[in-house]
Amino acid sequence: MSSSSPASTTVRKHHNRWRVKRLLSRALIYSALLFWAFICLFPIYWTVTTSFKSAVDVTQGHLIPWLDFQPDWKGWRSIGLSPDTLLGTSTARDEFMSRFENSVITSVGASTLALILGSLAAYGLSRFRYKFAWMRNDDILFFFMSQLILPPVVLALPFLVLYKALSLLDTRFGLILLYTLTVLPIVIWIMRDQFNSIPVELDEAAFVDGLSVWGAFLRIILPLAVPGMGAAFVLSLVLCWNEYFFAALLTSTDAKTLPVMVASQTGSQGINWWSMAALSTAAIAPLVLVGIFLERYIVSGLTTGAGK
C-alpha cells in the first residue's frame, strides 16, 4: 500500500488554494462586468420597452413586458411605424422620414468631409515638422484638441449671426460645415496616432520607387490606415447623429434632425413618453447596426499604439 508523501500533500493543497483563488477572482471580475453591462444597457432597455407602453404603464413604472404590462403599439402608432399604420399614409411618418433623411445626410456628409480633411492634416503632423511662431507639431495638435474644451453655447450667437449673413440657416449644408468643424479635432487625433504606428520606412521606400508624397500617401499609407479611418468615421458619425444644440438653434423646418424631433414630443398633457421612446429607439437602431458591422475597425483603430 502506497501513501503520498508530506511534500506532495503540501503541493496539492497549495494547488487547490490557487485554483480556488483563481475561480473567486474570475467570478468577481465577471460579476463586475455583468453589473456594469446592466448599468450601461438598462437605459436602452427602458427606452425600447417604453415605446410599447401606454400612459398608465409609463407613470406606474412597469418594466417587464407581459409580466408588468401588456405591450402596445401606441408609441409606434403615433409616428406611423406600427404594423397597422405602416402601409397607409401618415403625416407623422413622413415627418419622421424627412428628419431621418436630414440626420443621415448631415452626419455622413460631415463625417466623410472631416475624415478627408483630418487624414490630410494628421498625415502632415505625423510625417513633417512644422514651425508656426512658437508652435510646433505637438502645439498645433493641442490647438486642434483645445477646440473641444470650448462650450458650444459660447459659439451660439456668433454662428447664428454668421449663418444668417451667409443664408445658411435651416440648411443641410450649413449643418454639414458646422459638424465637420466639431468632429475634425477628434479625427486628427485618431488618425495621427494611426499614421505614427506605420513605419516611416514605407514612405521612404515609396519615394525610392518614384512615388511622390501624394502617391505614397494615397497608395501605400492610406490603405494601411483603414482601421483608424473606420474608427474615426464611426465616432464622428455618432457625435454628429446625436448632436442637438446647434441643430435646434440653426434649423427651423427644412433641416431639422432626429434629436430635435425627439425633444419636441411634448403636448398640452405633458411629455409623450411613448412617442419619444419610439423615436429614440428608431434613432438608436442605425447606430447599433453600424457598430455591429464595423466593430473590428473600431476596436483596432482606437487601440492603435496602445502598446507603445
Protein backbone atom coordinates (compact mmCIF):
# COMPACT_ATOMS: atom_id res chain seq x y z
CA MET A 1 0.00 0.00 0.00
CA SER A 2 1.45 3.33 -1.06
CA SER A 3 0.91 6.60 0.71
CA SER A 4 1.54 10.12 -0.51
CA SER A 5 4.47 11.98 0.93
CA PRO A 6 4.01 15.15 3.02
CA ALA A 7 5.65 17.19 0.27
CA SER A 8 3.17 16.07 -2.39
CA THR A 9 0.28 16.70 0.01
CA THR A 10 1.52 20.25 0.61
CA VAL A 11 1.88 20.87 -3.12
CA ARG A 12 -1.64 19.59 -3.73
CA LYS A 13 -3.05 21.88 -1.03
CA HIS A 14 -1.28 24.90 -2.50
CA HIS A 15 -2.57 23.98 -5.96
CA ASN A 16 -6.13 23.68 -4.68
CA ARG A 17 -5.89 27.02 -2.90
CA TRP A 18 -4.56 28.62 -6.08
CA ARG A 19 -7.45 27.19 -8.09
CA VAL A 20 -9.98 28.45 -5.55
CA LYS A 21 -8.45 31.93 -5.57
CA ARG A 22 -8.43 31.96 -9.37
CA LEU A 23 -12.08 30.91 -9.56
CA LEU A 24 -13.06 33.54 -6.99
CA SER A 25 -11.16 36.28 -8.82
CA ARG A 26 -12.75 35.34 -12.15
CA ALA A 27 -16.18 35.22 -10.53
CA LEU A 28 -15.66 38.71 -9.09
CA ILE A 29 -14.44 40.07 -12.43
CA TYR A 30 -17.35 38.62 -14.39
CA SER A 31 -19.81 39.81 -11.74
CA ALA A 32 -18.43 43.34 -12.00
CA LEU A 33 -18.59 43.21 -15.82
CA LEU A 34 -22.15 41.93 -15.77
CA PHE A 35 -23.16 44.65 -13.31
CA TRP A 36 -21.54 47.32 -15.48
CA ALA A 37 -23.17 45.91 -18.62
CA PHE A 38 -26.54 46.06 -16.84
CA ILE A 39 -25.97 49.71 -15.92
CA CYS A 40 -24.97 50.59 -19.49
CA LEU A 41 -27.74 48.67 -21.23
CA PHE A 42 -30.62 49.43 -18.87
CA PRO A 43 -31.36 52.91 -20.37
CA ILE A 44 -31.63 51.30 -23.82
CA TYR A 45 -33.88 48.57 -22.41
CA TRP A 46 -36.05 51.17 -20.70
CA THR A 47 -36.32 53.21 -23.90
CA VAL A 48 -37.29 50.23 -26.05
CA THR A 49 -39.86 48.91 -23.59
CA THR A 50 -41.34 52.38 -23.02
CA SER A 51 -42.10 52.60 -26.74
CA PHE A 52 -44.55 49.71 -26.19
CA LYS A 53 -46.23 51.13 -23.07
CA SER A 54 -49.43 53.06 -22.53
CA ALA A 55 -49.66 56.18 -20.41
CA VAL A 56 -50.63 54.22 -17.28
CA ASP A 57 -47.71 51.81 -17.65
CA VAL A 58 -45.27 54.70 -18.03
CA THR A 59 -46.47 56.55 -14.94
CA GLN A 60 -46.53 53.39 -12.80
CA GLY A 61 -43.00 52.40 -13.81
CA HIS A 62 -43.74 48.95 -15.17
CA LEU A 63 -40.58 47.35 -16.55
CA ILE A 64 -41.09 43.74 -17.70
CA PRO A 65 -43.30 43.13 -20.76
CA TRP A 66 -46.11 40.58 -20.39
CA LEU A 67 -45.49 40.43 -16.64
CA ASP A 68 -45.86 44.05 -15.51
CA PHE A 69 -47.68 45.34 -18.58
CA GLN A 70 -49.15 44.23 -21.91
CA PRO A 71 -47.12 45.64 -24.84
CA ASP A 72 -48.98 48.06 -27.07
CA TRP A 73 -48.06 49.79 -30.35
CA LYS A 74 -49.19 53.23 -29.11
CA GLY A 75 -45.75 54.83 -29.32
CA TRP A 76 -45.01 53.45 -32.78
CA ARG A 77 -48.53 54.24 -33.96
CA SER A 78 -48.01 57.90 -33.05
CA ILE A 79 -45.15 58.15 -35.56
CA GLY A 80 -46.78 55.95 -38.20
CA LEU A 81 -44.45 52.97 -37.81
CA SER A 82 -46.79 50.42 -36.23
CA PRO A 83 -47.86 47.33 -38.24
CA ASP A 84 -51.41 48.64 -38.66
CA THR A 85 -50.28 52.06 -39.98
CA LEU A 86 -47.11 51.14 -41.88
CA LEU A 87 -48.83 50.50 -45.20
CA GLY A 88 -51.14 53.52 -45.05
CA THR A 89 -50.48 57.23 -45.37
CA SER A 90 -49.18 59.01 -42.29
CA THR A 91 -48.14 62.62 -41.81
CA ALA A 92 -46.15 61.68 -38.72
CA ARG A 93 -44.23 59.01 -40.65
CA ASP A 94 -43.49 61.45 -43.46
CA GLU A 95 -42.09 63.89 -40.93
CA PHE A 96 -40.01 61.16 -39.31
CA MET A 97 -38.57 60.06 -42.66
CA SER A 98 -37.73 63.67 -43.51
CA ARG A 99 -35.87 64.15 -40.19
CA PHE A 100 -34.21 60.76 -40.60
CA GLU A 101 -33.00 61.72 -44.07
CA ASN A 102 -31.64 65.01 -42.72
CA SER A 103 -29.74 63.17 -39.98
CA VAL A 104 -28.26 60.68 -42.44
CA ILE A 105 -27.16 63.33 -44.95
CA THR A 106 -25.68 65.73 -42.40
CA SER A 107 -23.98 63.03 -40.30
CA VAL A 108 -22.49 61.03 -43.18
CA GLY A 109 -21.56 64.18 -45.10
CA ALA A 110 -19.83 65.82 -42.13
CA SER A 111 -18.07 62.60 -41.08
CA THR A 112 -16.79 62.00 -44.61
CA LEU A 113 -15.57 65.58 -45.02
CA ALA A 114 -13.94 65.54 -41.58
CA LEU A 115 -12.26 62.21 -42.39
CA ILE A 116 -10.79 63.58 -45.62
CA LEU A 117 -9.52 66.83 -44.10
CA GLY A 118 -8.47 65.19 -40.83
CA SER A 119 -6.49 62.45 -42.57
CA LEU A 120 -4.55 65.02 -44.59
CA ALA A 121 -3.83 67.13 -41.51
CA ALA A 122 -2.88 64.10 -39.42
CA TYR A 123 -0.51 62.78 -42.09
CA GLY A 124 1.22 66.13 -42.23
CA LEU A 125 1.58 66.28 -38.44
CA SER A 126 2.91 62.71 -38.40
CA ARG A 127 5.43 62.89 -41.24
CA PHE A 128 6.58 66.50 -41.42
CA ARG A 129 7.88 69.07 -38.95
CA TYR A 130 6.12 72.43 -38.82
CA LYS A 131 7.02 75.71 -37.16
CA PHE A 132 4.43 78.45 -36.81
CA ALA A 133 5.67 81.21 -34.47
CA TRP A 134 6.30 79.34 -31.20
CA MET A 135 4.09 76.42 -32.20
CA ARG A 136 5.46 73.04 -33.22
CA ASN A 137 3.65 69.84 -34.24
CA ASP A 138 2.54 68.94 -30.71
CA ASP A 139 1.40 72.51 -30.11
CA ILE A 140 -0.62 72.50 -33.33
CA LEU A 141 -2.25 69.20 -32.35
CA PHE A 142 -3.07 70.59 -28.91
CA PHE A 143 -4.59 73.66 -30.56
CA PHE A 144 -6.93 71.42 -32.54
CA MET A 145 -7.85 69.38 -29.46
CA SER A 146 -8.39 72.50 -27.35
CA GLN A 147 -11.37 73.41 -29.55
CA LEU A 148 -13.27 70.62 -27.80
CA ILE A 149 -12.92 72.42 -24.47
CA LEU A 150 -14.98 75.38 -25.64
CA PRO A 151 -18.66 75.06 -24.61
CA PRO A 152 -21.00 75.06 -27.63
CA VAL A 153 -23.23 77.73 -26.07
CA VAL A 154 -20.35 80.23 -26.34
CA LEU A 155 -20.47 79.87 -30.13
CA ALA A 156 -24.25 80.13 -30.39
CA LEU A 157 -24.54 83.85 -31.12
CA PRO A 158 -21.53 84.11 -33.48
CA PHE A 159 -22.72 81.15 -35.57
CA LEU A 160 -26.29 82.44 -35.59
CA VAL A 161 -25.17 85.84 -36.91
CA LEU A 162 -22.71 84.29 -39.39
CA TYR A 163 -25.18 81.76 -40.76
CA LYS A 164 -27.86 84.41 -41.14
CA ALA A 165 -25.47 86.61 -43.13
CA LEU A 166 -24.42 83.67 -45.34
CA SER A 167 -28.01 82.39 -45.77
CA LEU A 168 -27.06 79.04 -44.22
CA LEU A 169 -29.81 78.93 -41.62
CA ASP A 170 -32.07 75.88 -41.86
CA THR A 171 -29.88 74.20 -44.50
CA ARG A 172 -28.24 70.78 -44.53
CA PHE A 173 -25.06 72.26 -45.97
CA GLY A 174 -24.78 74.63 -43.01
CA LEU A 175 -25.08 71.74 -40.55
CA ILE A 176 -22.51 69.70 -42.50
CA LEU A 177 -19.96 72.50 -42.30
CA LEU A 178 -20.56 73.03 -38.59
CA TYR A 179 -20.48 69.32 -37.73
CA THR A 180 -17.25 68.97 -39.70
CA LEU A 181 -15.61 71.61 -37.54
CA THR A 182 -16.98 69.90 -34.43
CA VAL A 183 -15.54 66.42 -35.08
CA LEU A 184 -12.40 67.43 -37.01
CA PRO A 185 -10.14 67.56 -33.90
CA ILE A 186 -11.11 64.00 -32.92
CA VAL A 187 -10.42 62.72 -36.42
CA ILE A 188 -7.00 64.40 -36.47
CA TRP A 189 -6.14 62.91 -33.08
CA ILE A 190 -7.12 59.36 -34.04
CA MET A 191 -5.53 59.45 -37.49
CA ARG A 192 -2.25 60.95 -36.24
CA ASP A 193 -1.83 58.02 -33.85
CA GLN A 194 -2.71 55.68 -36.71
CA PHE A 195 -0.08 57.20 -39.02
CA ASN A 196 2.51 57.22 -36.22
CA SER A 197 2.08 53.44 -35.91
CA ILE A 198 3.01 52.99 -39.60
CA PRO A 199 6.81 52.88 -40.13
CA VAL A 200 8.32 55.88 -41.91
CA GLU A 201 10.48 53.44 -43.89
CA LEU A 202 7.42 52.63 -46.02
CA ASP A 203 7.25 56.27 -47.14
CA GLU A 204 10.97 56.28 -47.88
CA ALA A 205 10.69 53.06 -49.89
CA ALA A 206 7.84 54.57 -51.88
CA PHE A 207 9.92 57.66 -52.64
CA VAL A 208 12.78 55.45 -53.84
CA ASP A 209 10.33 53.68 -56.18
CA GLY A 210 9.48 57.04 -57.73
CA LEU A 211 6.24 57.89 -55.95
CA SER A 212 5.51 61.44 -54.87
CA VAL A 213 4.30 62.43 -51.41
CA TRP A 214 0.71 62.21 -52.62
CA GLY A 215 1.38 58.87 -54.28
CA ALA A 216 2.92 57.40 -51.13
CA PHE A 217 0.05 58.72 -49.04
CA LEU A 218 -2.75 57.51 -51.29
CA ARG A 219 -1.29 54.20 -52.49
CA ILE A 220 0.80 52.98 -49.54
CA ILE A 221 -0.07 54.68 -46.24
CA LEU A 222 -3.80 55.27 -46.55
CA PRO A 223 -4.73 51.60 -47.22
CA LEU A 224 -2.79 50.61 -44.09
CA ALA A 225 -4.70 53.20 -42.04
CA VAL A 226 -8.16 51.77 -42.83
CA PRO A 227 -8.82 50.58 -39.23
CA GLY A 228 -8.15 54.06 -37.86
CA MET A 229 -10.26 55.62 -40.58
CA GLY A 230 -13.12 53.27 -39.70
CA ALA A 231 -12.89 54.16 -36.02
CA ALA A 232 -12.70 57.90 -36.73
CA PHE A 233 -15.63 57.73 -39.14
CA VAL A 234 -17.88 55.80 -36.75
CA LEU A 235 -17.05 58.04 -33.80
CA SER A 236 -17.69 61.16 -35.91
CA LEU A 237 -20.94 59.66 -37.19
CA VAL A 238 -22.19 59.00 -33.65
CA LEU A 239 -21.31 62.51 -32.46
CA CYS A 240 -22.94 64.17 -35.47
CA TRP A 241 -26.02 61.93 -35.30
CA ASN A 242 -26.66 62.76 -31.64
CA GLU A 243 -25.93 66.49 -31.84
CA TYR A 244 -28.88 68.54 -30.64
CA PHE A 245 -27.84 72.07 -29.62
CA PHE A 246 -26.81 73.51 -32.99
CA ALA A 247 -29.47 71.53 -34.84
CA ALA A 248 -32.14 73.15 -32.68
CA LEU A 249 -30.52 76.58 -32.91
CA LEU A 250 -29.77 76.80 -36.62
CA THR A 251 -32.74 74.94 -38.12
CA SER A 252 -36.48 75.56 -38.13
CA THR A 253 -38.34 73.37 -40.62
CA ASP A 254 -36.40 72.02 -43.61
CA ALA A 255 -33.15 70.81 -42.00
CA LYS A 256 -34.35 69.58 -38.60
CA THR A 257 -32.75 66.34 -37.48
CA LEU A 258 -33.97 63.42 -35.37
CA PRO A 259 -32.68 64.70 -31.98
CA VAL A 260 -34.72 67.88 -32.44
CA MET A 261 -37.79 65.84 -33.32
CA VAL A 262 -37.30 63.60 -30.28
CA ALA A 263 -37.05 66.60 -27.97
CA SER A 264 -40.23 68.13 -29.42
CA GLN A 265 -42.55 65.34 -28.23
CA THR A 266 -44.45 67.48 -25.76
CA GLY A 267 -48.11 68.36 -25.68
CA SER A 268 -50.73 70.05 -23.53
CA GLN A 269 -50.84 66.98 -21.28
CA GLY A 270 -47.07 66.88 -20.82
CA ILE A 271 -44.37 64.75 -22.41
CA ASN A 272 -45.47 61.94 -24.72
CA TRP A 273 -43.01 59.41 -23.32
CA TRP A 274 -44.19 56.58 -25.59
CA SER A 275 -43.69 58.67 -28.74
CA MET A 276 -40.34 59.95 -27.52
CA ALA A 277 -39.24 56.40 -26.70
CA ALA A 278 -40.32 55.10 -30.12
CA LEU A 279 -38.45 57.90 -31.89
CA SER A 280 -35.39 57.32 -29.72
CA THR A 281 -35.45 53.59 -30.49
CA ALA A 282 -35.71 54.29 -34.21
CA ALA A 283 -32.83 56.75 -33.93
CA ILE A 284 -30.61 54.35 -31.97
CA ALA A 285 -31.14 51.37 -34.28
CA PRO A 286 -28.96 52.61 -37.20
CA LEU A 287 -26.04 53.35 -34.87
CA VAL A 288 -26.33 49.90 -33.32
CA LEU A 289 -26.16 48.30 -36.77
CA VAL A 290 -23.16 50.42 -37.74
CA GLY A 291 -21.40 49.47 -34.51
CA ILE A 292 -22.07 45.75 -35.06
CA PHE A 293 -20.79 45.68 -38.64
CA LEU A 294 -17.75 47.92 -38.02
CA GLU A 295 -16.82 46.66 -34.56
CA ARG A 296 -13.44 45.23 -35.58
CA TYR A 297 -12.42 48.51 -37.22
CA ILE A 298 -13.47 50.49 -34.16
CA VAL A 299 -11.52 48.32 -31.72
CA SER A 300 -8.38 48.04 -33.83
CA GLY A 301 -8.46 51.72 -34.73
CA LEU A 302 -8.89 53.03 -31.19
CA THR A 303 -6.26 50.69 -29.71
CA THR A 304 -3.56 51.58 -32.25
CA GLY A 305 -0.37 52.49 -30.47
CA ALA A 306 -1.69 51.42 -27.07
CA GLY A 307 1.22 49.03 -26.57
CA LYS A 308 3.89 51.62 -27.15
